[in-house]
Amino acid sequence: MDTIIAGVDEAGRGPLAGPVYAAAVILNGAQIEGLNDSKKLSQYKRELLFDEIITKAAGYAITWASPEEIDKFNILQATFLAMQRAVEQLKIKPNFIQVDGNKYPPNLKIPGEAIVKGDGKVPEIMAASILAKVSRDRYMKQMAEQYPQYNFAKHKGYPTAEHRNAIKQFGISPIHRKTFGGVKEFLK
């Protein structure tokens, strides 16, 4: 039996607002020039690669865990949940998974490995990194239209000084994570 590898990565563990996204990608030999860790690519390049990945990949899925799930389970467990959802939604079933990071999600019932800095080493993980990041950024831009006072389009929910000042001024929005330190202080 041939090995079908899925690469899995997340985007959005550190922000104070919005879901954590995860993507799973099976390239199955598809060649995509310019893949890299999404954080090392310009937004323009990520957008171009996003379209190429979803066109050329043998399979992909993009999912998330909500701010409520992050608050309920904690960010690590919510990330694992988003990763599990991505793997389960793949139309082609992988028999080996490579995950970016130092912990293999215990809820994945398929053999695999965690690869530190895998988003800069493994094409499938690089592709997953790009899909997760672009999808989350697009979501946060939509939320910027709904909650313009926070300027989510600029900082994507990360704890910048501008974002913290907006929370001080306007309170928290429905998409803020209530258990995070930068937000928790405003709930006392």
C-alpha atoms as a PDB file:
ATOM      1  CA  MET A   1       0.000   0.000   0.000  1.00  0.00           C
ATOM      2  CA  ASP A   2       1.311   3.435  -0.912  1.00  0.00           C
ATOM      3  CA  THR A   3       1.891   5.934   1.857  1.00  0.00           C
ATOM      4  CA  ILE A   4      -0.537   8.830   1.684  1.00  0.00           C
ATOM      5  CA  ILE A   5       0.885  11.682   3.748  1.00  0.00           C
ATOM      6  CA  ALA A   6      -1.168  14.588   5.039  1.00  0.00           C
ATOM      7  CA  GLY A   7       0.585  17.681   6.336  1.00  0.00           C
ATOM      8  CA  VAL A   8      -1.203  19.546   9.118  1.00  0.00           C
ATOM      9  CA  ASP A   9      -0.624  23.024  10.563  1.00  0.00           C
ATOM     10  CA  GLU A  10      -2.502  25.744  12.397  1.00  0.00           C
ATOM     11  CA  ALA A  11      -2.784  29.515  12.364  1.00  0.00           C
ATOM     12  CA  GLY A  12      -3.937  31.765  15.145  1.00  0.00           C
ATOM     13  CA  ARG A  13      -2.783  30.284  18.428  1.00  0.00           C
ATOM     14  CA  GLY A  14      -1.476  33.586  19.784  1.00  0.00           C
ATOM     15  CA  PRO A  15      -4.234  36.136  19.057  1.00  0.00           C
ATOM     16  CA  LEU A  16      -6.672  37.522  21.605  1.00  0.00           C
ATOM     17  CA  ALA A  17      -9.596  37.217  19.184  1.00  0.00           C
ATOM     18  CA  GLY A  18     -10.976  34.873  16.561  1.00  0.00           C
ATOM     19  CA  PRO A  19     -10.814  31.131  16.013  1.00  0.00           C
ATOM     20  CA  VAL A  20      -7.716  28.983  15.677  1.00  0.00           C
ATOM     21  CA  TYR A  21      -7.606  27.572  12.148  1.00  0.00           C
ATOM     22  CA  ALA A  22      -6.088  24.288  10.985  1.00  0.00           C
ATOM     23  CA  ALA A  23      -5.525  22.829   7.553  1.00  0.00           C
ATOM     24  CA  ALA A  24      -4.605  19.381   6.288  1.00  0.00           C
ATOM     25  CA  VAL A  25      -3.094  18.911   2.834  1.00  0.00           C
ATOM     26  CA  ILE A  26      -2.269  15.852   0.749  1.00  0.00           C
ATOM     27  CA  LEU A  27      -0.016  16.782  -2.176  1.00  0.00           C
ATOM     28  CA  ASN A  28       0.560  13.226  -3.418  1.00  0.00           C
ATOM     29  CA  GLY A  29       3.392  14.354  -5.688  1.00  0.00           C
ATOM     30  CA  ALA A  30       1.889  17.683  -6.769  1.00  0.00           C
ATOM     31  CA  GLN A  31       4.687  20.181  -7.372  1.00  0.00           C
ATOM     32  CA  ILE A  32       4.078  23.714  -6.119  1.00  0.00           C
ATOM     33  CA  GLU A  33       6.892  26.228  -6.534  1.00  0.00           C
ATOM     34  CA  GLY A  34       7.604  28.669  -3.714  1.00  0.00           C
ATOM     35  CA  LEU A  35       6.120  26.760  -0.775  1.00  0.00           C
ATOM     36  CA  ASN A  36       7.479  27.929   2.576  1.00  0.00           C
ATOM     37  CA  ASP A  37       6.429  28.674   6.129  1.00  0.00           C
ATOM     38  CA  SER A  38       3.452  31.045   5.717  1.00  0.00           C
ATOM     39  CA  LYS A  39       5.067  33.522   8.135  1.00  0.00           C
ATOM     40  CA  LYS A  40       8.020  33.891   5.748  1.00  0.00           C
ATOM     41  CA  LEU A  41       5.865  34.775   2.736  1.00  0.00           C
ATOM     42  CA  SER A  42       4.243  38.066   1.807  1.00  0.00           C
ATOM     43  CA  GLN A  43       0.470  38.264   1.960  1.00  0.00           C
ATOM     44  CA  TYR A  44       0.429  38.535  -1.838  1.00  0.00           C
ATOM     45  CA  LYS A  45       2.536  35.382  -2.266  1.00  0.00           C
ATOM     46  CA  ARG A  46       0.407  33.475   0.282  1.00  0.00           C
ATOM     47  CA  GLU A  47      -2.752  34.386  -1.641  1.00  0.00           C
ATOM     48  CA  LEU A  48      -1.246  33.171  -4.937  1.00  0.00           C
ATOM     49  CA  LEU A  49      -0.043  29.931  -3.353  1.00  0.00           C
ATOM     50  CA  PHE A  50      -3.428  29.406  -1.653  1.00  0.00           C
ATOM     51  CA  ASP A  51      -5.131  29.257  -5.051  1.00  0.00           C
ATOM     52  CA  GLU A  52      -2.446  26.974  -6.471  1.00  0.00           C
ATOM     53  CA  ILE A  53      -2.594  24.610  -3.483  1.00  0.00           C
ATOM     54  CA  ILE A  54      -6.358  24.181  -3.600  1.00  0.00           C
ATOM     55  CA  THR A  55      -6.134  23.599  -7.362  1.00  0.00           C
ATOM     56  CA  LYS A  56      -3.217  21.136  -7.389  1.00  0.00           C
ATOM     57  CA  ALA A  57      -3.438  19.292  -4.054  1.00  0.00           C
ATOM     58  CA  ALA A  58      -4.809  15.758  -4.117  1.00  0.00           C
ATOM     59  CA  GLY A  59      -6.815  16.695  -1.038  1.00  0.00           C
ATOM     60  CA  TYR A  60      -7.198  19.493   1.478  1.00  0.00           C
ATOM     61  CA  ALA A  61      -9.448  20.621   4.306  1.00  0.00           C
ATOM     62  CA  ILE A  62      -9.578  23.863   6.308  1.00  0.00           C
ATOM     63  CA  THR A  63     -11.308  23.973   9.686  1.00  0.00           C
ATOM     64  CA  TRP A  64     -11.260  25.871  12.954  1.00  0.00           C
ATOM     65  CA  ALA A  65     -12.064  25.829  16.646  1.00  0.00           C
ATOM     66  CA  SER A  66     -14.128  28.759  17.865  1.00  0.00           C
ATOM     67  CA  PRO A  67     -13.190  31.291  20.556  1.00  0.00           C
ATOM     68  CA  GLU A  68     -15.767  29.546  22.781  1.00  0.00           C
ATOM     69  CA  GLU A  69     -14.024  26.199  22.265  1.00  0.00           C
ATOM     70  CA  ILE A  70     -10.666  27.830  22.982  1.00  0.00           C
ATOM     71  CA  ASP A  71     -12.090  29.194  26.243  1.00  0.00           C
ATOM     72  CA  LYS A  72     -13.660  25.845  27.128  1.00  0.00           C
ATOM     73  CA  PHE A  73     -10.738  23.512  26.347  1.00  0.00           C
ATOM     74  CA  ASN A  74      -7.623  25.808  26.268  1.00  0.00           C
ATOM     75  CA  ILE A  75      -5.707  26.841  23.169  1.00  0.00           C
ATOM     76  CA  LEU A  76      -3.638  23.667  22.815  1.00  0.00           C
ATOM     77  CA  GLN A  77      -6.644  21.330  23.023  1.00  0.00           C
ATOM     78  CA  ALA A  78      -8.674  23.588  20.721  1.00  0.00           C
ATOM     79  CA  THR A  79      -5.798  23.491  18.220  1.00  0.00           C
ATOM     80  CA  PHE A  80      -5.771  19.685  18.392  1.00  0.00           C
ATOM     81  CA  LEU A  81      -9.555  19.716  17.850  1.00  0.00           C
ATOM     82  CA  ALA A  82      -9.224  21.925  14.754  1.00  0.00           C
ATOM     83  CA  MET A  83      -6.462  19.649  13.423  1.00  0.00           C
ATOM     84  CA  GLN A  84      -8.619  16.559  14.016  1.00  0.00           C
ATOM     85  CA  ARG A  85     -11.508  18.177  12.139  1.00  0.00           C
ATOM     86  CA  ALA A  86      -9.228  19.008   9.201  1.00  0.00           C
ATOM     87  CA  VAL A  87      -7.923  15.434   8.946  1.00  0.00           C
ATOM     88  CA  GLU A  88     -11.438  13.993   9.256  1.00  0.00           C
ATOM     89  CA  GLN A  89     -12.733  16.244   6.467  1.00  0.00           C
ATOM     90  CA  LEU A  90     -10.129  15.099   3.946  1.00  0.00           C
ATOM     91  CA  LYS A  91     -11.846  13.285   1.075  1.00  0.00           C
ATOM     92  CA  ILE A  92      -8.778  11.080   0.613  1.00  0.00           C
ATOM     93  CA  LYS A  93      -7.823   9.288   3.816  1.00  0.00           C
ATOM     94  CA  PRO A  94      -4.135   9.589   4.723  1.00  0.00           C
ATOM     95  CA  ASN A  95      -2.285   6.729   6.398  1.00  0.00           C
ATOM     96  CA  PHE A  96       0.461   8.955   7.834  1.00  0.00           C
ATOM     97  CA  ILE A  97       0.274  12.492   9.195  1.00  0.00           C
ATOM     98  CA  GLN A  98       3.021  15.059   9.661  1.00  0.00           C
ATOM     99  CA  VAL A  99       2.140  17.893  12.027  1.00  0.00           C
ATOM    100  CA  ASP A 100       4.052  21.115  12.547  1.00  0.00           C
ATOM    101  CA  GLY A 101       5.237  21.484  16.133  1.00  0.00           C
ATOM    102  CA  ASN A 102       6.577  19.454  19.017  1.00  0.00           C
ATOM    103  CA  LYS A 103       3.369  17.625  20.002  1.00  0.00           C
ATOM    104  CA  TYR A 104       1.431  15.112  17.939  1.00  0.00           C
ATOM    105  CA  PRO A 105      -2.293  15.579  18.574  1.00  0.00           C
ATOM    106  CA  PRO A 106      -3.403  12.625  20.727  1.00  0.00           C
ATOM    107  CA  ASN A 107      -6.892  12.746  19.175  1.00  0.00           C
ATOM    108  CA  LEU A 108      -5.555  11.847  15.701  1.00  0.00           C
ATOM    109  CA  LYS A 109      -6.144   8.131  15.249  1.00  0.00           C
ATOM    110  CA  ILE A 110      -3.723   7.821  12.333  1.00  0.00           C
ATOM    111  CA  PRO A 111       0.018   7.190  12.763  1.00  0.00           C
ATOM    112  CA  GLY A 112       2.198  10.232  12.357  1.00  0.00           C
ATOM    113  CA  GLU A 113       4.817  12.517  13.787  1.00  0.00           C
ATOM    114  CA  ALA A 114       5.275  16.054  15.023  1.00  0.00           C
ATOM    115  CA  ILE A 115       8.068  17.922  13.254  1.00  0.00           C
ATOM    116  CA  VAL A 116       9.532  21.016  14.889  1.00  0.00           C
ATOM    117  CA  LYS A 117       9.631  23.804  12.295  1.00  0.00           C
ATOM    118  CA  GLY A 118       7.946  21.413   9.865  1.00  0.00           C
ATOM    119  CA  ASP A 119       6.286  24.391   8.178  1.00  0.00           C
ATOM    120  CA  GLY A 120       9.716  25.246   6.786  1.00  0.00           C
ATOM    121  CA  LYS A 121      10.799  21.666   5.957  1.00  0.00           C
ATOM    122  CA  VAL A 122       7.898  19.546   4.685  1.00  0.00           C
ATOM    123  CA  PRO A 123       5.950  20.616   1.555  1.00  0.00           C
ATOM    124  CA  GLU A 124       2.630  19.211   2.850  1.00  0.00           C
ATOM    125  CA  ILE A 125       2.994  21.113   6.137  1.00  0.00           C
ATOM    126  CA  MET A 126       4.058  24.289   4.293  1.00  0.00           C
ATOM    127  CA  ALA A 127       0.918  24.025   2.162  1.00  0.00           C
ATOM    128  CA  ALA A 128      -1.251  23.471   5.259  1.00  0.00           C
ATOM    129  CA  SER A 129       0.412  26.463   6.925  1.00  0.00           C
ATOM    130  CA  ILE A 130      -0.522  28.683   3.974  1.00  0.00           C
ATOM    131  CA  LEU A 131      -4.135  27.459   3.784  1.00  0.00           C
ATOM    132  CA  ALA A 132      -4.674  27.953   7.519  1.00  0.00           C
ATOM    133  CA  LYS A 133      -3.051  31.407   7.605  1.00  0.00           C
ATOM    134  CA  VAL A 134      -4.817  32.792   4.533  1.00  0.00           C
ATOM    135  CA  SER A 135      -8.187  31.430   5.697  1.00  0.00           C
ATOM    136  CA  ARG A 136      -7.817  32.920   9.161  1.00  0.00           C
ATOM    137  CA  ASP A 137      -6.649  36.274   7.786  1.00  0.00           C
ATOM    138  CA  ARG A 138      -9.658  36.395   5.455  1.00  0.00           C
ATOM    139  CA  TYR A 139     -11.980  35.661   8.375  1.00  0.00           C
ATOM    140  CA  MET A 140     -10.415  38.415  10.487  1.00  0.00           C
ATOM    141  CA  LYS A 141     -10.854  40.884   7.605  1.00  0.00           C
ATOM    142  CA  GLN A 142     -14.567  40.000   7.565  1.00  0.00           C
ATOM    143  CA  MET A 143     -14.699  40.559  11.321  1.00  0.00           C
ATOM    144  CA  ALA A 144     -13.034  43.962  10.814  1.00  0.00           C
ATOM    145  CA  GLU A 145     -16.109  44.980   8.823  1.00  0.00           C
ATOM    146  CA  GLN A 146     -18.408  43.759  11.585  1.00  0.00           C
ATOM    147  CA  TYR A 147     -16.323  45.259  14.434  1.00  0.00           C
ATOM    148  CA  PRO A 148     -14.439  48.168  12.805  1.00  0.00           C
ATOM    149  CA  GLN A 149     -13.399  49.712  16.129  1.00  0.00           C
ATOM    150  CA  TYR A 150     -10.839  46.907  16.700  1.00  0.00           C
ATOM    151  CA  ASN A 151      -9.091  47.164  13.292  1.00  0.00           C
ATOM    152  CA  PHE A 152      -8.839  43.363  13.005  1.00  0.00           C
ATOM    153  CA  ALA A 153      -7.824  43.684   9.333  1.00  0.00           C
ATOM    154  CA  LYS A 154      -4.522  45.172  10.440  1.00  0.00           C
ATOM    155  CA  HIS A 155      -3.429  43.032  13.417  1.00  0.00           C
ATOM    156  CA  LYS A 156      -5.653  39.940  12.865  1.00  0.00           C
ATOM    157  CA  GLY A 157      -6.470  39.791  16.583  1.00  0.00           C
ATOM    158  CA  TYR A 158      -2.864  39.568  17.806  1.00  0.00           C
ATOM    159  CA  PRO A 159      -2.060  41.434  21.037  1.00  0.00           C
ATOM    160  CA  THR A 160      -0.635  44.624  19.559  1.00  0.00           C
ATOM    161  CA  ALA A 161      -0.682  47.885  21.502  1.00  0.00           C
ATOM    162  CA  GLU A 162      -3.383  49.156  19.135  1.00  0.00           C
ATOM    163  CA  HIS A 163      -5.535  46.080  19.794  1.00  0.00           C
ATOM    164  CA  ARG A 164      -5.095  46.292  23.582  1.00  0.00           C
ATOM    165  CA  ASN A 165      -6.034  49.980  23.503  1.00  0.00           C
ATOM    166  CA  ALA A 166      -9.173  49.176  21.488  1.00  0.00           C
ATOM    167  CA  ILE A 167     -10.171  46.583  24.107  1.00  0.00           C
ATOM    168  CA  LYS A 168      -9.616  49.178  26.854  1.00  0.00           C
ATOM    169  CA  GLN A 169     -11.731  51.687  24.982  1.00  0.00           C
ATOM    170  CA  PHE A 170     -14.542  49.471  23.612  1.00  0.00           C
ATOM    171  CA  GLY A 171     -14.480  46.363  25.809  1.00  0.00           C
ATOM    172  CA  ILE A 172     -14.410  42.902  24.276  1.00  0.00           C
ATOM    173  CA  SER A 173     -16.254  41.763  21.176  1.00  0.00           C
ATOM    174  CA  PRO A 174     -18.130  38.464  20.774  1.00  0.00           C
ATOM    175  CA  ILE A 175     -15.100  37.010  18.968  1.00  0.00           C
ATOM    176  CA  HIS A 176     -12.589  37.728  21.744  1.00  0.00           C
ATOM    177  CA  ARG A 177     -11.157  34.808  23.712  1.00  0.00           C
ATOM    178  CA  LYS A 178     -12.170  35.410  27.302  1.00  0.00           C
ATOM    179  CA  THR A 179      -9.544  33.170  28.924  1.00  0.00           C
ATOM    180  CA  PHE A 180      -6.511  34.879  27.393  1.00  0.00           C
ATOM    181  CA  GLY A 181      -4.393  37.101  29.636  1.00  0.00           C
ATOM    182  CA  GLY A 182      -4.691  40.137  27.410  1.00  0.00           C
ATOM    183  CA  VAL A 183      -8.477  39.898  27.519  1.00  0.00           C
ATOM    184  CA  LYS A 184      -8.972  38.403  30.999  1.00  0.00           C
ATOM    185  CA  GLU A 185      -7.774  41.597  32.666  1.00  0.00           C
ATOM    186  CA  PHE A 186     -10.727  43.469  31.129  1.00  0.00           C
ATOM    187  CA  LEU A 187     -13.294  41.004  32.533  1.00  0.00           C
ATOM    188  CA  LYS A 188     -12.630  41.679  36.221  1.00  0.00           C
END
